[in-house]
Amino acid sequence: MGNIIKKLKADDIGDMGIGAMIVFIAMVLVAGIAASVLIQTANRLEIQAMQTGQETIGEVSTGLAVTEITGYRGATDTNLTLLAITVQPRSGSFSVDLNQTYLEISDSDKKVILRYDYTNPVFVPQDVIGGDLFNSTHYPADGTSFGIIVLEDPRGSLSSTYPVVKKGGKVMLTINVGQIFGVDGLATRKDIWGMIQPEEGAGGVFAFTSPASYPTSKNVFILY
């Protein structure tokens, strides 16, 4: 009788041990699956946070700064007919693709949007300027696009097809205001304002008033 009782107790303990083991294994599996899900979620959140951070930095720091605007009046012209806007990347800016940049300009009576026409580009490399900034070939013949004169390109990133301005680069955006604002060009005492907006980041804004008169003694005018 004693042997039977011992055997039953041993069997009972064995049954309880197997059940506990099954429960323990199930808990481990559930915990492993949960941990795997948490790790995957954390990785995705980390990647998304990094991407969001990069995009935020790009939006805050990227952009073009307008440093100078120069106008030109030909010897036989009454008003300014050509405009050159000097721009460079802002401090800490990412690369700026001028193919994806638009320029808007208004004389308070008319407003136009200009883009770079890479299919029929007006692009002047550093070694082609030849000292004549206001050569008519450096400026678009229409009033729908802007041209590019390369002033500095230390990284060699600017080309007629892919004009990308990187750190240290500086370009002039050339505009034929004689075509934009009529054959008389940019008249005196006009309030001019506009913006150069890249694909990403802050735009470079500018505003100035054209001179009260255009003396015949000079043809080049610093406007901004």
N, C-alpha and C. Protein backbone atom coordinates (compact mmCIF):
# COMPACT_ATOMS: atom_id res chain seq x y z
N MET A 1 0.83 -1.21 0.00
CA MET A 1 0.00 0.00 0.00
C MET A 1 0.86 1.25 0.00
N GLY A 2 1.90 1.18 0.79
CA GLY A 2 2.81 2.34 0.86
C GLY A 2 3.47 2.61 -0.47
N ASN A 3 3.83 1.54 -1.17
CA ASN A 3 4.45 1.72 -2.49
C ASN A 3 3.50 2.35 -3.48
N ILE A 4 2.23 1.98 -3.41
CA ILE A 4 1.23 2.55 -4.32
C ILE A 4 1.09 4.05 -4.08
N ILE A 5 1.02 4.44 -2.78
CA ILE A 5 0.89 5.87 -2.44
C ILE A 5 2.08 6.66 -2.95
N LYS A 6 3.28 6.11 -2.75
CA LYS A 6 4.48 6.79 -3.23
C LYS A 6 4.46 6.95 -4.74
N LYS A 7 4.01 5.92 -5.43
CA LYS A 7 3.96 5.97 -6.88
C LYS A 7 2.97 7.02 -7.36
N LEU A 8 1.79 7.09 -6.72
CA LEU A 8 0.80 8.10 -7.09
C LEU A 8 1.33 9.51 -6.87
N LYS A 9 2.02 9.71 -5.71
CA LYS A 9 2.59 11.03 -5.44
C LYS A 9 3.65 11.41 -6.47
N ALA A 10 4.44 10.43 -6.84
CA ALA A 10 5.47 10.71 -7.84
C ALA A 10 4.83 11.07 -9.18
N ASP A 11 3.78 10.32 -9.51
CA ASP A 11 3.08 10.64 -10.77
C ASP A 11 2.45 12.02 -10.71
N ASP A 12 1.83 12.35 -9.58
CA ASP A 12 1.21 13.68 -9.44
C ASP A 12 2.25 14.78 -9.60
N ILE A 13 3.39 14.62 -8.95
CA ILE A 13 4.44 15.63 -9.06
C ILE A 13 4.93 15.74 -10.50
N GLY A 14 5.01 14.60 -11.20
CA GLY A 14 5.43 14.62 -12.60
C GLY A 14 4.44 15.37 -13.47
N ASP A 15 3.15 15.14 -13.24
CA ASP A 15 2.14 15.85 -14.01
C ASP A 15 2.19 17.35 -13.78
N MET A 16 2.36 17.77 -12.56
CA MET A 16 2.44 19.19 -12.23
C MET A 16 3.68 19.82 -12.84
N GLY A 17 4.79 19.09 -12.85
CA GLY A 17 6.02 19.62 -13.42
C GLY A 17 5.90 19.83 -14.93
N ILE A 18 5.28 18.91 -15.64
CA ILE A 18 5.10 19.06 -17.09
C ILE A 18 4.18 20.23 -17.41
N GLY A 19 3.09 20.37 -16.65
CA GLY A 19 2.18 21.49 -16.87
C GLY A 19 2.87 22.83 -16.64
N ALA A 20 3.64 22.89 -15.55
CA ALA A 20 4.36 24.13 -15.27
C ALA A 20 5.36 24.45 -16.38
N MET A 21 6.02 23.39 -16.88
CA MET A 21 6.99 23.59 -17.96
C MET A 21 6.30 24.11 -19.23
N ILE A 22 5.14 23.54 -19.54
CA ILE A 22 4.40 23.99 -20.71
C ILE A 22 4.03 25.47 -20.57
N VAL A 23 3.51 25.84 -19.37
CA VAL A 23 3.15 27.23 -19.13
C VAL A 23 4.37 28.14 -19.23
N PHE A 24 5.49 27.66 -18.66
CA PHE A 24 6.72 28.45 -18.68
C PHE A 24 7.21 28.67 -20.13
N ILE A 25 7.20 27.61 -20.93
CA ILE A 25 7.63 27.73 -22.33
C ILE A 25 6.71 28.68 -23.09
N ALA A 26 5.39 28.56 -22.82
CA ALA A 26 4.45 29.45 -23.48
C ALA A 26 4.72 30.91 -23.12
N MET A 27 5.02 31.15 -21.85
CA MET A 27 5.32 32.51 -21.41
C MET A 27 6.59 33.04 -22.07
N VAL A 28 7.59 32.19 -22.19
CA VAL A 28 8.83 32.58 -22.85
C VAL A 28 8.59 32.93 -24.31
N LEU A 29 7.79 32.08 -24.99
CA LEU A 29 7.49 32.35 -26.40
C LEU A 29 6.74 33.66 -26.57
N VAL A 30 5.73 33.87 -25.71
CA VAL A 30 4.96 35.12 -25.77
C VAL A 30 5.86 36.32 -25.51
N ALA A 31 6.72 36.19 -24.49
CA ALA A 31 7.64 37.29 -24.17
C ALA A 31 8.61 37.55 -25.32
N GLY A 32 9.08 36.47 -25.96
CA GLY A 32 10.00 36.63 -27.10
C GLY A 32 9.33 37.33 -28.26
N ILE A 33 8.09 36.93 -28.55
CA ILE A 33 7.36 37.57 -29.64
C ILE A 33 7.10 39.04 -29.33
N ALA A 34 6.70 39.31 -28.09
CA ALA A 34 6.44 40.70 -27.69
C ALA A 34 7.72 41.53 -27.77
N ALA A 35 8.83 40.95 -27.33
CA ALA A 35 10.10 41.67 -27.38
C ALA A 35 10.49 41.95 -28.84
N SER A 36 10.26 40.97 -29.71
CA SER A 36 10.58 41.17 -31.13
C SER A 36 9.76 42.30 -31.73
N VAL A 37 8.47 42.33 -31.39
CA VAL A 37 7.60 43.40 -31.89
C VAL A 37 8.06 44.75 -31.37
N LEU A 38 8.40 44.81 -30.09
CA LEU A 38 8.86 46.07 -29.50
C LEU A 38 10.15 46.55 -30.14
N ILE A 39 11.08 45.62 -30.41
CA ILE A 39 12.35 45.99 -31.02
C ILE A 39 12.14 46.52 -32.44
N GLN A 40 11.29 45.82 -33.21
CA GLN A 40 11.00 46.27 -34.57
C GLN A 40 10.34 47.66 -34.56
N THR A 41 9.39 47.84 -33.63
CA THR A 41 8.72 49.14 -33.52
C THR A 41 9.70 50.23 -33.15
N ALA A 42 10.60 49.95 -32.21
CA ALA A 42 11.60 50.93 -31.79
C ALA A 42 12.53 51.28 -32.94
N ASN A 43 12.93 50.28 -33.73
CA ASN A 43 13.80 50.55 -34.88
C ASN A 43 13.10 51.43 -35.91
N ARG A 44 11.85 51.12 -36.18
CA ARG A 44 11.09 51.94 -37.14
C ARG A 44 10.94 53.37 -36.65
N LEU A 45 10.65 53.53 -35.35
CA LEU A 45 10.52 54.86 -34.78
C LEU A 45 11.83 55.62 -34.84
N GLU A 46 12.93 54.91 -34.61
CA GLU A 46 14.24 55.56 -34.66
C GLU A 46 14.56 56.04 -36.08
N ILE A 47 14.29 55.16 -37.07
CA ILE A 47 14.54 55.54 -38.46
C ILE A 47 13.67 56.72 -38.86
N GLN A 48 12.38 56.67 -38.46
CA GLN A 48 11.47 57.77 -38.79
C GLN A 48 11.90 59.06 -38.12
N ALA A 49 12.36 58.96 -36.86
CA ALA A 49 12.82 60.15 -36.15
C ALA A 49 14.05 60.75 -36.82
N MET A 50 14.97 59.90 -37.28
CA MET A 50 16.16 60.41 -37.96
C MET A 50 15.78 61.09 -39.27
N GLN A 51 14.87 60.49 -40.03
CA GLN A 51 14.43 61.10 -41.28
C GLN A 51 13.74 62.44 -41.02
N THR A 52 12.88 62.46 -40.00
CA THR A 52 12.19 63.70 -39.66
C THR A 52 13.18 64.78 -39.23
N GLY A 53 14.20 64.36 -38.46
CA GLY A 53 15.22 65.31 -38.03
C GLY A 53 16.00 65.89 -39.19
N GLN A 54 16.38 65.02 -40.14
CA GLN A 54 17.10 65.50 -41.32
C GLN A 54 16.25 66.45 -42.15
N GLU A 55 14.97 66.10 -42.32
CA GLU A 55 14.09 66.98 -43.09
C GLU A 55 13.89 68.32 -42.38
N THR A 56 13.79 68.28 -41.06
CA THR A 56 13.61 69.52 -40.30
C THR A 56 14.84 70.40 -40.41
N ILE A 57 16.03 69.78 -40.30
CA ILE A 57 17.27 70.53 -40.44
C ILE A 57 17.34 71.16 -41.84
N GLY A 58 16.96 70.36 -42.85
CA GLY A 58 16.98 70.87 -44.21
C GLY A 58 16.04 72.05 -44.40
N GLU A 59 14.84 71.95 -43.82
CA GLU A 59 13.87 73.03 -43.97
C GLU A 59 14.34 74.30 -43.26
N VAL A 60 15.02 74.12 -42.12
CA VAL A 60 15.43 75.28 -41.33
C VAL A 60 16.67 75.94 -41.92
N SER A 61 17.67 75.14 -42.31
CA SER A 61 18.96 75.71 -42.70
C SER A 61 19.13 75.89 -44.21
N THR A 62 18.45 75.09 -45.02
CA THR A 62 18.65 75.16 -46.47
C THR A 62 17.97 76.39 -47.05
N GLY A 63 18.60 76.96 -48.06
CA GLY A 63 18.01 78.11 -48.73
C GLY A 63 19.07 78.94 -49.43
N LEU A 64 18.63 79.94 -50.17
CA LEU A 64 19.51 80.84 -50.89
C LEU A 64 19.40 82.24 -50.30
N ALA A 65 20.54 82.88 -50.12
CA ALA A 65 20.57 84.26 -49.62
C ALA A 65 20.90 85.20 -50.77
N VAL A 66 20.14 86.26 -50.89
CA VAL A 66 20.39 87.28 -51.91
C VAL A 66 21.41 88.27 -51.36
N THR A 67 22.54 88.41 -52.04
CA THR A 67 23.60 89.29 -51.55
C THR A 67 23.72 90.60 -52.33
N GLU A 68 23.25 90.61 -53.58
CA GLU A 68 23.35 91.84 -54.36
C GLU A 68 22.44 91.76 -55.57
N ILE A 69 21.91 92.92 -55.98
CA ILE A 69 21.12 93.01 -57.20
C ILE A 69 21.63 94.21 -58.00
N THR A 70 21.98 93.97 -59.23
CA THR A 70 22.54 95.02 -60.10
C THR A 70 21.68 95.14 -61.34
N GLY A 71 21.42 96.38 -61.74
CA GLY A 71 20.64 96.64 -62.94
C GLY A 71 21.49 97.30 -64.02
N TYR A 72 21.07 97.13 -65.26
CA TYR A 72 21.82 97.68 -66.40
C TYR A 72 20.87 98.37 -67.38
N ARG A 73 21.29 99.55 -67.81
CA ARG A 73 20.56 100.29 -68.82
C ARG A 73 21.48 100.50 -70.02
N GLY A 74 21.04 100.02 -71.17
CA GLY A 74 21.85 100.16 -72.38
C GLY A 74 21.98 101.63 -72.79
N ALA A 75 22.97 101.90 -73.62
CA ALA A 75 23.25 103.28 -74.03
C ALA A 75 22.06 103.92 -74.74
N THR A 76 21.27 103.11 -75.42
CA THR A 76 20.12 103.65 -76.16
C THR A 76 18.80 103.41 -75.45
N ASP A 77 18.86 102.86 -74.23
CA ASP A 77 17.64 102.55 -73.49
C ASP A 77 17.29 103.67 -72.52
N THR A 78 16.01 103.78 -72.21
CA THR A 78 15.54 104.78 -71.25
C THR A 78 15.58 104.24 -69.83
N ASN A 79 15.20 102.96 -69.66
CA ASN A 79 15.13 102.36 -68.33
C ASN A 79 16.02 101.12 -68.26
N LEU A 80 16.04 100.49 -67.09
CA LEU A 80 16.81 99.27 -66.90
C LEU A 80 16.20 98.13 -67.72
N THR A 81 17.05 97.40 -68.41
CA THR A 81 16.55 96.29 -69.22
C THR A 81 17.09 94.94 -68.76
N LEU A 82 18.18 94.93 -68.01
CA LEU A 82 18.78 93.69 -67.53
C LEU A 82 18.97 93.75 -66.01
N LEU A 83 18.79 92.60 -65.37
CA LEU A 83 18.91 92.52 -63.92
C LEU A 83 19.72 91.27 -63.56
N ALA A 84 20.69 91.44 -62.66
CA ALA A 84 21.51 90.32 -62.19
C ALA A 84 21.38 90.21 -60.68
N ILE A 85 20.90 89.05 -60.20
CA ILE A 85 20.70 88.82 -58.77
C ILE A 85 21.74 87.82 -58.29
N THR A 86 22.62 88.26 -57.38
CA THR A 86 23.67 87.39 -56.85
C THR A 86 23.15 86.62 -55.65
N VAL A 87 23.28 85.29 -55.68
CA VAL A 87 22.81 84.45 -54.58
C VAL A 87 23.88 83.44 -54.20
N GLN A 88 23.79 82.97 -52.96
CA GLN A 88 24.66 81.91 -52.47
C GLN A 88 23.93 81.12 -51.40
N PRO A 89 24.34 79.87 -51.12
CA PRO A 89 23.64 79.07 -50.11
C PRO A 89 23.79 79.70 -48.73
N ARG A 90 22.76 79.55 -47.92
CA ARG A 90 22.82 80.01 -46.54
C ARG A 90 23.81 79.16 -45.74
N SER A 91 24.20 79.66 -44.60
CA SER A 91 25.12 78.93 -43.74
C SER A 91 24.49 77.61 -43.30
N GLY A 92 25.20 76.51 -43.52
CA GLY A 92 24.69 75.19 -43.15
C GLY A 92 23.69 74.62 -44.13
N SER A 93 23.54 75.25 -45.27
CA SER A 93 22.54 74.81 -46.25
C SER A 93 22.95 73.52 -46.94
N PHE A 94 21.96 72.70 -47.26
CA PHE A 94 22.17 71.55 -48.12
C PHE A 94 22.32 72.05 -49.56
N SER A 95 22.60 71.15 -50.48
CA SER A 95 22.72 71.52 -51.89
C SER A 95 21.38 72.04 -52.42
N VAL A 96 21.46 73.02 -53.32
CA VAL A 96 20.26 73.62 -53.90
C VAL A 96 20.28 73.39 -55.40
N ASP A 97 19.28 72.70 -55.91
CA ASP A 97 19.16 72.43 -57.34
C ASP A 97 18.39 73.57 -57.99
N LEU A 98 19.06 74.34 -58.84
CA LEU A 98 18.40 75.47 -59.49
C LEU A 98 17.38 75.03 -60.53
N ASN A 99 17.43 73.78 -60.96
CA ASN A 99 16.39 73.25 -61.84
C ASN A 99 15.04 73.21 -61.13
N GLN A 100 15.09 73.04 -59.80
CA GLN A 100 13.88 72.93 -59.00
C GLN A 100 13.62 74.21 -58.21
N THR A 101 14.16 75.31 -58.68
CA THR A 101 14.01 76.60 -58.01
C THR A 101 13.23 77.55 -58.91
N TYR A 102 12.34 78.31 -58.32
CA TYR A 102 11.63 79.32 -59.12
C TYR A 102 11.89 80.71 -58.54
N LEU A 103 11.82 81.68 -59.41
CA LEU A 103 12.05 83.08 -59.03
C LEU A 103 10.79 83.88 -59.36
N GLU A 104 10.28 84.56 -58.37
CA GLU A 104 9.12 85.42 -58.61
C GLU A 104 9.54 86.87 -58.41
N ILE A 105 9.05 87.74 -59.27
CA ILE A 105 9.39 89.15 -59.20
C ILE A 105 8.19 89.98 -59.64
N SER A 106 8.01 91.12 -58.99
CA SER A 106 6.86 91.99 -59.28
C SER A 106 7.30 93.44 -59.22
N ASP A 107 6.67 94.26 -60.07
CA ASP A 107 6.88 95.71 -60.02
C ASP A 107 5.66 96.40 -59.46
N SER A 108 4.85 95.66 -58.70
CA SER A 108 3.61 96.12 -58.08
C SER A 108 2.47 96.28 -59.07
N ASP A 109 2.77 96.20 -60.36
CA ASP A 109 1.72 96.21 -61.39
C ASP A 109 1.59 94.84 -62.06
N LYS A 110 2.70 94.13 -62.10
CA LYS A 110 2.74 92.82 -62.75
C LYS A 110 3.65 91.90 -61.96
N LYS A 111 3.26 90.64 -61.89
CA LYS A 111 4.07 89.64 -61.18
C LYS A 111 4.28 88.44 -62.08
N VAL A 112 5.53 87.96 -62.15
CA VAL A 112 5.84 86.82 -63.00
C VAL A 112 6.61 85.76 -62.20
N ILE A 113 6.52 84.53 -62.68
CA ILE A 113 7.27 83.41 -62.12
C ILE A 113 8.25 82.93 -63.18
N LEU A 114 9.54 82.88 -62.82
CA LEU A 114 10.58 82.48 -63.76
C LEU A 114 11.21 81.18 -63.29
N ARG A 115 11.59 80.34 -64.26
CA ARG A 115 12.31 79.10 -63.97
C ARG A 115 13.52 78.98 -64.89
N TYR A 116 14.44 78.11 -64.51
CA TYR A 116 15.60 77.85 -65.34
C TYR A 116 15.22 76.86 -66.43
N ASP A 117 15.47 77.21 -67.67
CA ASP A 117 15.11 76.36 -68.81
C ASP A 117 16.33 75.53 -69.22
N TYR A 118 16.43 74.32 -68.66
CA TYR A 118 17.59 73.47 -68.96
C TYR A 118 17.55 72.91 -70.38
N THR A 119 16.39 72.96 -71.03
CA THR A 119 16.31 72.48 -72.42
C THR A 119 16.89 73.50 -73.40
N ASN A 120 16.85 74.75 -73.03
CA ASN A 120 17.44 75.82 -73.84
C ASN A 120 18.14 76.79 -72.89
N PRO A 121 19.21 76.32 -72.24
CA PRO A 121 19.77 77.05 -71.11
C PRO A 121 20.57 78.28 -71.50
N VAL A 122 20.49 79.29 -70.62
CA VAL A 122 21.42 80.42 -70.67
C VAL A 122 22.33 80.22 -69.46
N PHE A 123 23.48 79.61 -69.71
CA PHE A 123 24.39 79.20 -68.64
C PHE A 123 25.80 79.67 -68.99
N VAL A 124 26.40 80.44 -68.09
CA VAL A 124 27.72 81.03 -68.34
C VAL A 124 28.71 80.53 -67.29
N PRO A 125 29.63 79.63 -67.64
CA PRO A 125 30.64 79.16 -66.68
C PRO A 125 31.60 80.28 -66.29
N GLN A 126 32.40 80.02 -65.26
CA GLN A 126 33.33 81.02 -64.77
C GLN A 126 34.29 81.52 -65.85
N ASP A 127 34.80 80.60 -66.64
CA ASP A 127 35.85 80.96 -67.60
C ASP A 127 35.31 81.56 -68.89
N VAL A 128 33.97 81.76 -68.96
CA VAL A 128 33.39 82.30 -70.19
C VAL A 128 32.86 83.73 -69.97
N ILE A 129 32.83 84.18 -68.72
CA ILE A 129 32.28 85.51 -68.45
C ILE A 129 33.02 86.57 -69.23
N GLY A 130 34.33 86.48 -69.26
CA GLY A 130 35.13 87.39 -70.07
C GLY A 130 35.11 88.83 -69.59
N GLY A 131 34.74 89.05 -68.34
CA GLY A 131 34.75 90.39 -67.78
C GLY A 131 33.55 91.23 -68.12
N ASP A 132 32.72 90.79 -69.05
CA ASP A 132 31.54 91.57 -69.47
C ASP A 132 30.29 90.96 -68.86
N LEU A 133 29.91 91.44 -67.69
CA LEU A 133 28.77 90.87 -66.98
C LEU A 133 27.47 91.09 -67.74
N PHE A 134 27.32 92.22 -68.37
CA PHE A 134 26.05 92.55 -69.01
C PHE A 134 26.08 92.32 -70.52
N ASN A 135 26.79 91.29 -70.92
CA ASN A 135 26.72 90.82 -72.30
C ASN A 135 25.32 90.28 -72.54
N SER A 136 24.68 90.70 -73.58
CA SER A 136 23.28 90.32 -73.83
C SER A 136 23.11 88.81 -73.96
N THR A 137 24.16 88.08 -74.35
CA THR A 137 24.05 86.63 -74.48
C THR A 137 23.98 85.93 -73.13
N HIS A 138 24.28 86.65 -72.05
CA HIS A 138 24.21 86.09 -70.71
C HIS A 138 22.80 86.17 -70.13
N TYR A 139 21.86 86.69 -70.90
CA TYR A 139 20.51 86.92 -70.40
C TYR A 139 19.49 86.27 -71.33
N PRO A 140 18.42 85.69 -70.77
CA PRO A 140 17.39 85.06 -71.60
C PRO A 140 16.74 86.09 -72.52
N ALA A 141 16.33 85.62 -73.67
CA ALA A 141 15.68 86.51 -74.64
C ALA A 141 14.18 86.64 -74.39
N ASP A 142 13.66 85.87 -73.42
CA ASP A 142 12.22 85.92 -73.13
C ASP A 142 12.00 86.39 -71.69
N GLY A 143 10.76 86.44 -71.32
CA GLY A 143 10.40 86.87 -69.98
C GLY A 143 9.83 85.76 -69.13
N THR A 144 10.20 84.51 -69.43
CA THR A 144 9.65 83.37 -68.69
C THR A 144 10.71 82.55 -67.96
N SER A 145 11.98 82.87 -68.15
CA SER A 145 13.04 82.07 -67.54
C SER A 145 14.16 82.99 -67.06
N PHE A 146 15.05 82.42 -66.25
CA PHE A 146 16.23 83.14 -65.81
C PHE A 146 17.48 82.38 -66.24
N GLY A 147 18.57 83.11 -66.43
CA GLY A 147 19.84 82.49 -66.78
C GLY A 147 20.75 82.40 -65.56
N ILE A 148 21.89 81.76 -65.74
CA ILE A 148 22.83 81.54 -64.63
C ILE A 148 24.23 81.94 -65.07
N ILE A 149 24.87 82.77 -64.27
CA ILE A 149 26.29 83.09 -64.43
C ILE A 149 27.01 82.54 -63.22
N VAL A 150 27.98 81.67 -63.43
CA VAL A 150 28.71 81.04 -62.33
C VAL A 150 29.84 81.96 -61.87
N LEU A 151 29.79 82.37 -60.61
CA LEU A 151 30.85 83.19 -60.05
C LEU A 151 31.87 82.35 -59.28
N GLU A 152 31.38 81.42 -58.47
CA GLU A 152 32.25 80.52 -57.71
C GLU A 152 31.63 79.13 -57.70
N ASP A 153 32.46 78.14 -57.96
CA ASP A 153 32.00 76.75 -57.97
C ASP A 153 33.13 75.84 -57.50
N PRO A 154 33.48 75.91 -56.20
CA PRO A 154 34.64 75.15 -55.70
C PRO A 154 34.45 73.64 -55.76
N ARG A 155 33.22 73.16 -55.80
CA ARG A 155 32.97 71.72 -55.80
C ARG A 155 32.63 71.19 -57.19
N GLY A 156 32.63 72.07 -58.20
CA GLY A 156 32.37 71.63 -59.56
C GLY A 156 31.01 71.01 -59.75
N SER A 157 30.00 71.53 -59.06
CA SER A 157 28.66 70.94 -59.09
C SER A 157 27.71 71.65 -60.05
N LEU A 158 28.17 72.73 -60.67
CA LEU A 158 27.28 73.52 -61.54
C LEU A 158 27.53 73.20 -63.00
N SER A 159 26.49 72.78 -63.69
CA SER A 159 26.57 72.54 -65.13
C SER A 159 25.28 73.07 -65.75
N SER A 160 25.28 73.18 -67.07
CA SER A 160 24.10 73.74 -67.75
C SER A 160 22.88 72.84 -67.60
N THR A 161 23.10 71.54 -67.48
CA THR A 161 21.97 70.60 -67.36
C THR A 161 21.58 70.38 -65.90
N TYR A 162 22.57 70.31 -65.01
CA TYR A 162 22.33 70.09 -63.58
C TYR A 162 23.01 71.18 -62.76
N PRO A 163 22.40 72.35 -62.69
CA PRO A 163 23.00 73.46 -61.93
C PRO A 163 22.70 73.34 -60.43
N VAL A 164 23.59 72.68 -59.72
CA VAL A 164 23.41 72.46 -58.28
C VAL A 164 24.42 73.33 -57.53
N VAL A 165 23.92 74.20 -56.66
CA VAL A 165 24.78 75.08 -55.88
C VAL A 165 25.06 74.41 -54.54
N LYS A 166 26.36 74.21 -54.26
CA LYS A 166 26.77 73.61 -53.00
C LYS A 166 27.54 74.61 -52.16
N LYS A 167 27.99 74.17 -51.01
CA LYS A 167 28.71 75.04 -50.08
C LYS A 167 29.87 75.75 -50.79
N GLY A 168 29.94 77.06 -50.61
CA GLY A 168 31.00 77.84 -51.23
C GLY A 168 30.67 78.35 -52.61
N GLY A 169 29.57 77.88 -53.19
CA GLY A 169 29.18 78.31 -54.53
C GLY A 169 28.49 79.66 -54.52
N LYS A 170 28.59 80.36 -55.61
CA LYS A 170 27.93 81.66 -55.76
C LYS A 170 27.60 81.86 -57.23
N VAL A 171 26.37 82.26 -57.50
CA VAL A 171 25.92 82.45 -58.88
C VAL A 171 25.14 83.75 -59.01
N MET A 172 25.00 84.19 -60.24
CA MET A 172 24.11 85.30 -60.56
C MET A 172 22.95 84.74 -61.37
N LEU A 173 21.74 85.11 -60.98
CA LEU A 173 20.55 84.77 -61.75
C LEU A 173 20.23 85.97 -62.63
N THR A 174 20.22 85.76 -63.93
CA THR A 174 20.06 86.88 -64.87
C THR A 174 18.63 86.95 -65.39
N ILE A 175 18.10 88.17 -65.46
CA ILE A 175 16.71 88.39 -65.85
C ILE A 175 16.66 89.48 -66.91
N ASN A 176 15.85 89.24 -67.91
CA ASN A 176 15.62 90.24 -68.94
C ASN A 176 14.34 91.01 -68.58
N VAL A 177 14.49 92.07 -67.77
CA VAL A 177 13.31 92.82 -67.33
C VAL A 177 12.69 93.61 -68.46
N GLY A 178 13.44 93.82 -69.55
CA GLY A 178 12.86 94.48 -70.71
C GLY A 178 11.77 93.64 -71.34
N GLN A 179 11.88 92.31 -71.22
CA GLN A 179 10.85 91.41 -71.72
C GLN A 179 9.75 91.17 -70.68
N ILE A 180 10.12 91.24 -69.41
CA ILE A 180 9.15 90.96 -68.36
C ILE A 180 8.18 92.11 -68.16
N PHE A 181 8.72 93.32 -68.04
CA PHE A 181 7.89 94.48 -67.72
C PHE A 181 7.64 95.38 -68.93
N GLY A 182 7.81 94.85 -70.13
CA GLY A 182 7.55 95.62 -71.33
C GLY A 182 8.82 96.14 -71.96
N VAL A 183 8.70 96.65 -73.16
CA VAL A 183 9.88 97.09 -73.92
C VAL A 183 10.61 98.23 -73.24
N ASP A 184 9.91 98.98 -72.37
CA ASP A 184 10.56 100.08 -71.67
C ASP A 184 11.39 99.61 -70.49
N GLY A 185 11.26 98.34 -70.11
CA GLY A 185 12.05 97.80 -69.01
C GLY A 185 11.57 98.26 -67.66
N LEU A 186 12.50 98.36 -66.73
CA LEU A 186 12.19 98.72 -65.35
C LEU A 186 12.28 100.24 -65.19
N ALA A 187 11.14 100.86 -65.04
CA ALA A 187 11.08 102.32 -64.97
C ALA A 187 11.55 102.84 -63.61
N THR A 188 11.65 104.15 -63.51
CA THR A 188 12.08 104.79 -62.26
C THR A 188 10.97 104.76 -61.22
N ARG A 189 11.40 104.84 -59.95
CA ARG A 189 10.48 104.93 -58.81
C ARG A 189 9.49 103.77 -58.75
N LYS A 190 9.94 102.60 -59.10
CA LYS A 190 9.10 101.40 -59.03
C LYS A 190 9.46 100.58 -57.80
N ASP A 191 8.43 100.13 -57.07
CA ASP A 191 8.65 99.23 -55.93
C ASP A 191 8.75 97.80 -56.44
N ILE A 192 9.93 97.24 -56.32
CA ILE A 192 10.19 95.89 -56.82
C ILE A 192 10.35 94.95 -55.63
N TRP A 193 9.73 93.81 -55.69
CA TRP A 193 9.89 92.80 -54.65
C TRP A 193 9.78 91.41 -55.27
N GLY A 194 10.34 90.45 -54.57
CA GLY A 194 10.31 89.09 -55.10
C GLY A 194 10.94 88.10 -54.16
N MET A 195 11.07 86.87 -54.64
CA MET A 195 11.59 85.78 -53.82
C MET A 195 12.20 84.72 -54.73
N ILE A 196 13.27 84.10 -54.25
CA ILE A 196 13.88 82.97 -54.94
C ILE A 196 13.66 81.75 -54.06
N GLN A 197 12.79 80.86 -54.50
CA GLN A 197 12.35 79.75 -53.67
C GLN A 197 12.92 78.42 -54.16
N PRO A 198 13.83 77.80 -53.39
CA PRO A 198 14.34 76.48 -53.77
C PRO A 198 13.34 75.39 -53.46
N GLU A 199 13.68 74.18 -53.87
CA GLU A 199 12.79 73.04 -53.65
C GLU A 199 12.56 72.79 -52.17
N GLU A 200 13.60 72.99 -51.37
CA GLU A 200 13.53 72.74 -49.93
C GLU A 200 14.15 73.90 -49.19
N GLY A 201 13.54 74.30 -48.10
CA GLY A 201 14.12 75.34 -47.27
C GLY A 201 13.52 76.71 -47.49
N ALA A 202 14.18 77.70 -46.91
CA ALA A 202 13.68 79.07 -46.95
C ALA A 202 14.06 79.77 -48.25
N GLY A 203 13.18 80.60 -48.72
CA GLY A 203 13.45 81.37 -49.93
C GLY A 203 14.23 82.63 -49.63
N GLY A 204 14.95 83.12 -50.63
CA GLY A 204 15.68 84.37 -50.50
C GLY A 204 14.79 85.51 -50.98
N VAL A 205 14.44 86.41 -50.09
CA VAL A 205 13.54 87.50 -50.43
C VAL A 205 14.33 88.77 -50.71
N PHE A 206 13.77 89.65 -51.51
CA PHE A 206 14.39 90.93 -51.80
C PHE A 206 13.31 91.96 -52.09
N ALA A 207 13.65 93.21 -51.86
CA ALA A 207 12.74 94.32 -52.15
C ALA A 207 13.57 95.59 -52.27
N PHE A 208 13.25 96.40 -53.24
CA PHE A 208 13.94 97.66 -53.44
C PHE A 208 13.08 98.58 -54.28
N THR A 209 13.45 99.84 -54.31
CA THR A 209 12.79 100.83 -55.15
C THR A 209 13.77 101.29 -56.21
N SER A 210 13.36 101.26 -57.45
CA SER A 210 14.25 101.67 -58.53
C SER A 210 14.60 103.16 -58.37
N PRO A 211 15.75 103.57 -58.88
CA PRO A 211 16.20 104.96 -58.69
C PRO A 211 15.19 105.99 -59.20
N ALA A 212 15.30 107.19 -58.65
CA ALA A 212 14.41 108.27 -59.06
C ALA A 212 14.71 108.73 -60.48
N SER A 213 15.93 108.47 -60.94
CA SER A 213 16.30 108.83 -62.32
C SER A 213 17.47 107.95 -62.75
N TYR A 214 17.66 107.86 -64.05
CA TYR A 214 18.78 107.10 -64.61
C TYR A 214 19.70 108.08 -65.36
N PRO A 215 20.71 108.59 -64.68
CA PRO A 215 21.61 109.56 -65.32
C PRO A 215 22.30 108.95 -66.54
N THR A 216 22.49 109.74 -67.53
CA THR A 216 23.15 109.28 -68.75
C THR A 216 24.64 109.04 -68.53
N SER A 217 25.14 109.47 -67.37
CA SER A 217 26.57 109.33 -67.11
C SER A 217 26.96 107.90 -66.72
N LYS A 218 25.99 107.05 -66.41
CA LYS A 218 26.31 105.66 -66.05
C LYS A 218 25.20 104.73 -66.51
N ASN A 219 25.59 103.47 -66.67
CA ASN A 219 24.65 102.47 -67.17
C ASN A 219 24.38 101.35 -66.14
N VAL A 220 25.25 101.22 -65.14
CA VAL A 220 25.13 100.17 -64.15
C VAL A 220 24.66 100.76 -62.81
N PHE A 221 23.67 100.14 -62.19
CA PHE A 221 23.10 100.65 -60.95
C PHE A 221 23.00 99.54 -59.91
N ILE A 222 23.51 99.81 -58.70
CA ILE A 222 23.38 98.87 -57.60
C ILE A 222 22.01 99.12 -56.96
N LEU A 223 21.16 98.12 -56.98
CA LEU A 223 19.78 98.28 -56.51
C LEU A 223 19.53 97.68 -55.15
N TYR A 224 20.38 96.71 -54.76
CA TYR A 224 20.12 96.01 -53.47
C TYR A 224 21.44 95.52 -52.91
